Amino acid sequence: MTENIEEYITTSEMSRLERAAVERGTTIKELMENAGAAVAREAAAMSGSLEGKLVMVFAGPGNNGGDGMVSARHLAAMHCGVVLVLLSKPEKIKSEEARANFEALNGIPNARIEIADSEEKVASLAKEFPMPYIIIDAIFGTGVKGEPSGQYGAAIEFINRTTAIKIAVDIPSGLDPDTGKTAETCVRADVTVAMHRAKQGMKGNEAYTGRVVVADIGIGK
């Protein structure tokens, strides 16, 4: 099921629109903030009160992970317990904006940061948190293609095993945003919050995207 999907765009078209927005004065920081806030709003809308519930955010080192970090901060403000699982070492975070949002989580009382840069660490977290209420998939964005391996594959397998509500940030990790080809290990989301427009590869892949919600993140036309 999708909500008023008028058009699908390719990753190259999305990159062009993002560059144009930046040239007009919108910052990557603003786009990331708007994206993460949209994910948090969708989580709240699906759940009613999140107070006292556990939300896990699995984040990769790219800007999709940065969106997830923003969502973690907004969700923590809703008085739920948030565990941000970074699937790389912090020094490997790829952009200044994502790094700033990672650091912003430090010191927030009900937000916990875990570094899971190996399959063993993912397995340990899976044992510690077997039944989260919501999982946010912010592992891979539209710039990453191919078969997830190592801690990334292990995280996706854990996500799919749980009974949690699963929300994908922009696109489910493991789904090719252009061709629609799914990796052997691919997140099966209940909802995908697509930024600005749904991506071409989502079309016909509702088994992985779940319901698609398109979020206005300030890119414009």
Protein backbone atom coordinates (compact mmCIF):
# COMPACT_ATOMS: atom_id res chain seq x y z
CA MET A 1 0.00 0.00 0.00
CA THR A 2 1.29 3.46 -0.86
CA GLU A 3 0.04 6.94 -0.10
CA ASN A 4 -0.54 9.17 -3.15
CA ILE A 5 2.64 8.24 -5.00
CA GLU A 6 2.51 10.51 -8.02
CA GLU A 7 5.94 9.80 -9.41
CA TYR A 8 9.07 7.77 -8.87
CA ILE A 9 12.54 9.16 -9.46
CA THR A 10 16.01 7.73 -10.00
CA THR A 11 18.96 8.30 -7.70
CA SER A 12 20.63 10.54 -10.29
CA GLU A 13 17.51 12.70 -10.47
CA MET A 14 17.39 12.89 -6.68
CA SER A 15 21.06 13.90 -6.51
CA ARG A 16 20.44 16.64 -9.06
CA LEU A 17 17.50 17.99 -7.05
CA GLU A 18 19.54 17.95 -3.84
CA ARG A 19 22.39 19.85 -5.51
CA ALA A 20 19.93 22.41 -6.87
CA ALA A 21 18.42 22.88 -3.40
CA VAL A 22 21.88 23.47 -1.93
CA GLU A 23 22.68 25.98 -4.67
CA ARG A 24 19.51 27.87 -3.70
CA GLY A 25 20.71 28.09 -0.11
CA THR A 26 19.27 25.01 1.61
CA THR A 27 21.94 23.22 3.65
CA ILE A 28 22.58 19.50 3.95
CA LYS A 29 22.16 19.99 7.70
CA GLU A 30 18.61 21.30 7.14
CA LEU A 31 17.72 18.46 4.76
CA MET A 32 19.02 15.90 7.26
CA GLU A 33 17.12 17.52 10.13
CA ASN A 34 13.89 17.55 8.13
CA ALA A 35 14.35 13.92 7.05
CA GLY A 36 15.00 12.63 10.56
CA ALA A 37 12.13 14.64 12.01
CA ALA A 38 9.79 13.16 9.39
CA VAL A 39 10.81 9.63 10.39
CA ALA A 40 10.21 10.38 14.07
CA ARG A 41 6.79 11.86 13.30
CA GLU A 42 5.82 8.75 11.37
CA ALA A 43 6.95 6.53 14.25
CA ALA A 44 4.82 8.56 16.66
CA ALA A 45 1.83 8.56 14.31
CA MET A 46 1.96 4.78 14.01
CA SER A 47 2.27 4.21 17.73
CA GLY A 48 0.35 6.84 19.63
CA SER A 49 2.29 7.41 22.84
CA LEU A 50 5.87 6.19 22.71
CA GLU A 51 6.54 6.92 26.36
CA GLY A 52 8.46 4.09 28.00
CA LYS A 53 8.79 2.08 24.78
CA LEU A 54 12.07 0.93 23.25
CA VAL A 55 13.14 2.21 19.84
CA MET A 56 16.30 0.94 18.15
CA VAL A 57 17.89 2.94 15.35
CA PHE A 58 20.40 1.06 13.20
CA ALA A 59 22.61 3.61 11.45
CA GLY A 60 25.28 3.29 8.83
CA PRO A 61 28.13 5.82 8.48
CA GLY A 62 26.56 7.79 5.61
CA ASN A 63 23.94 10.49 5.44
CA ASN A 64 21.12 7.94 5.63
CA GLY A 65 22.59 7.05 9.01
CA GLY A 66 22.65 10.76 9.79
CA ASP A 67 18.92 10.93 9.11
CA GLY A 68 18.50 8.07 11.57
CA MET A 69 20.56 9.89 14.19
CA VAL A 70 18.29 12.93 13.88
CA SER A 71 15.25 10.67 14.27
CA ALA A 72 16.81 9.18 17.42
CA ARG A 73 17.17 12.64 18.95
CA HIS A 74 13.57 13.56 18.16
CA LEU A 75 12.29 10.23 19.47
CA ALA A 76 14.23 10.64 22.72
CA ALA A 77 12.35 13.92 23.23
CA MET A 78 9.13 11.86 23.12
CA HIS A 79 10.24 10.08 26.32
CA CYS A 80 10.86 6.65 24.83
CA GLY A 81 14.06 4.71 25.35
CA VAL A 82 16.28 5.05 22.28
CA VAL A 83 19.25 2.87 21.38
CA LEU A 84 21.29 4.22 18.47
CA VAL A 85 23.35 1.38 16.99
CA LEU A 86 26.17 2.71 14.83
CA LEU A 87 27.40 -0.04 12.52
CA SER A 88 30.86 1.45 12.07
CA LYS A 89 33.50 3.11 14.18
CA PRO A 90 32.56 6.76 14.86
CA GLU A 91 35.65 8.02 13.02
CA LYS A 92 34.31 6.42 9.83
CA ILE A 93 31.17 8.60 9.76
CA LYS A 94 31.34 10.11 6.30
CA SER A 95 29.99 13.65 6.59
CA GLU A 96 30.29 16.55 9.00
CA GLU A 97 26.50 16.73 9.24
CA ALA A 98 26.11 13.08 10.22
CA ARG A 99 28.98 13.37 12.69
CA ALA A 100 27.40 16.42 14.33
CA ASN A 101 24.12 14.57 14.75
CA PHE A 102 25.90 11.56 16.22
CA GLU A 103 27.66 13.77 18.75
CA ALA A 104 24.40 15.57 19.58
CA LEU A 105 23.07 12.32 21.07
CA ASN A 106 25.76 12.28 23.75
CA GLY A 107 24.35 13.31 27.10
CA ILE A 108 20.68 12.83 26.24
CA PRO A 109 19.40 10.89 29.28
CA ASN A 110 17.17 8.36 27.52
CA ALA A 111 19.36 7.91 24.43
CA ARG A 112 22.02 5.21 24.49
CA ILE A 113 24.72 4.80 21.84
CA GLU A 114 26.13 1.39 20.93
CA ILE A 115 28.96 0.79 18.47
CA ALA A 116 28.42 -2.49 16.62
CA ASP A 117 31.19 -2.68 14.04
CA SER A 118 31.28 -6.49 13.94
CA GLU A 119 28.85 -9.37 13.58
CA GLU A 120 29.65 -10.43 17.14
CA LYS A 121 28.65 -7.04 18.54
CA VAL A 122 25.37 -7.12 16.60
CA ALA A 123 24.66 -10.59 18.00
CA SER A 124 25.34 -9.35 21.52
CA LEU A 125 22.90 -6.45 21.10
CA ALA A 126 20.30 -8.80 19.64
CA LYS A 127 20.47 -10.82 22.86
CA GLU A 128 20.30 -7.71 25.05
CA PHE A 129 17.38 -6.14 23.17
CA PRO A 130 15.35 -9.04 21.71
CA MET A 131 11.99 -7.23 21.59
CA PRO A 132 12.20 -3.55 20.61
CA TYR A 133 8.89 -1.82 19.92
CA ILE A 134 10.14 0.03 16.83
CA ILE A 135 13.24 -0.39 14.69
CA ILE A 136 14.43 2.38 12.37
CA ASP A 137 16.47 1.14 9.40
CA ALA A 138 18.97 3.89 8.57
CA ILE A 139 21.73 1.55 7.43
CA PHE A 140 22.06 2.16 3.69
CA GLY A 141 20.72 5.04 1.63
CA THR A 142 20.30 5.34 -2.11
CA GLY A 143 24.05 5.53 -2.73
CA VAL A 144 24.81 2.00 -1.51
CA LYS A 145 24.12 -1.04 -3.68
CA GLY A 146 25.08 -4.69 -3.54
CA GLU A 147 24.87 -7.49 -1.00
CA PRO A 148 25.07 -6.40 2.67
CA SER A 149 27.75 -8.32 4.55
CA GLY A 150 29.43 -8.42 7.94
CA GLN A 151 27.74 -6.38 10.65
CA TYR A 152 25.43 -4.80 8.08
CA GLY A 153 24.01 -8.13 6.97
CA ALA A 154 23.78 -9.32 10.58
CA ALA A 155 21.84 -6.19 11.55
CA ILE A 156 19.37 -6.66 8.70
CA GLU A 157 18.84 -10.30 9.66
CA PHE A 158 18.12 -9.24 13.25
CA ILE A 159 15.72 -6.52 12.10
CA ASN A 160 13.75 -9.00 10.02
CA ARG A 161 13.61 -11.58 12.84
CA THR A 162 11.99 -9.24 15.33
CA THR A 163 8.29 -8.49 15.71
CA ALA A 164 9.07 -4.76 15.96
CA ILE A 165 7.43 -2.14 13.79
CA LYS A 166 10.05 -1.55 11.10
CA ILE A 167 10.48 1.88 9.51
CA ALA A 168 12.96 2.34 6.66
CA VAL A 169 14.61 5.70 6.09
CA ASP A 170 14.22 6.63 2.40
CA ILE A 171 14.57 3.04 1.15
CA PRO A 172 14.86 -0.39 2.80
CA SER A 173 18.50 -1.40 3.15
CA GLY A 174 19.30 -4.04 0.54
CA LEU A 175 16.81 -2.78 -2.07
CA ASP A 176 18.42 -1.27 -5.17
CA PRO A 177 16.85 2.20 -5.48
CA ASP A 178 17.01 2.23 -9.27
CA THR A 179 16.51 -1.34 -10.50
CA GLY A 180 14.35 -2.65 -7.66
CA LYS A 181 16.59 -5.70 -7.33
CA THR A 182 16.67 -7.02 -3.78
CA ALA A 183 19.77 -8.34 -2.10
CA GLU A 184 19.56 -11.76 -0.48
CA THR A 185 19.58 -9.89 2.83
CA CYS A 186 17.09 -7.02 2.57
CA VAL A 187 15.04 -5.21 5.19
CA ARG A 188 11.32 -5.97 5.05
CA ALA A 189 9.84 -2.71 6.33
CA ASP A 190 6.32 -2.01 7.49
CA VAL A 191 6.69 1.60 6.38
CA THR A 192 9.23 3.43 4.25
CA VAL A 193 9.55 7.18 4.66
CA ALA A 194 10.77 8.28 1.23
CA MET A 195 12.51 11.64 1.13
CA HIS A 196 11.04 14.09 -1.39
CA ARG A 197 9.95 11.39 -3.86
CA ALA A 198 9.64 7.61 -3.89
CA LYS A 199 12.58 5.99 -5.62
CA GLN A 200 12.21 4.06 -8.86
CA GLY A 201 13.23 0.74 -7.32
CA MET A 202 10.36 0.85 -4.82
CA LYS A 203 7.76 0.36 -7.52
CA GLY A 204 6.25 -3.12 -7.19
CA ASN A 205 8.35 -3.93 -4.12
CA GLU A 206 5.71 -3.46 -1.44
CA ALA A 207 6.82 -6.73 0.19
CA TYR A 208 9.99 -4.86 1.22
CA THR A 209 8.89 -1.22 1.42
CA GLY A 210 5.58 -1.77 3.16
CA ARG A 211 3.48 1.40 3.09
CA VAL A 212 5.34 4.27 1.45
CA VAL A 213 5.05 7.76 2.94
CA VAL A 214 6.62 10.62 0.99
CA ALA A 215 8.14 13.32 3.21
CA ASP A 216 8.70 16.93 2.19
CA ILE A 217 12.22 17.71 3.41
CA GLY A 218 12.56 21.14 1.85
CA ILE A 219 14.10 20.30 -1.52
CA GLY A 220 11.41 22.04 -3.57
CA LYS A 221 10.77 21.26 -7.22
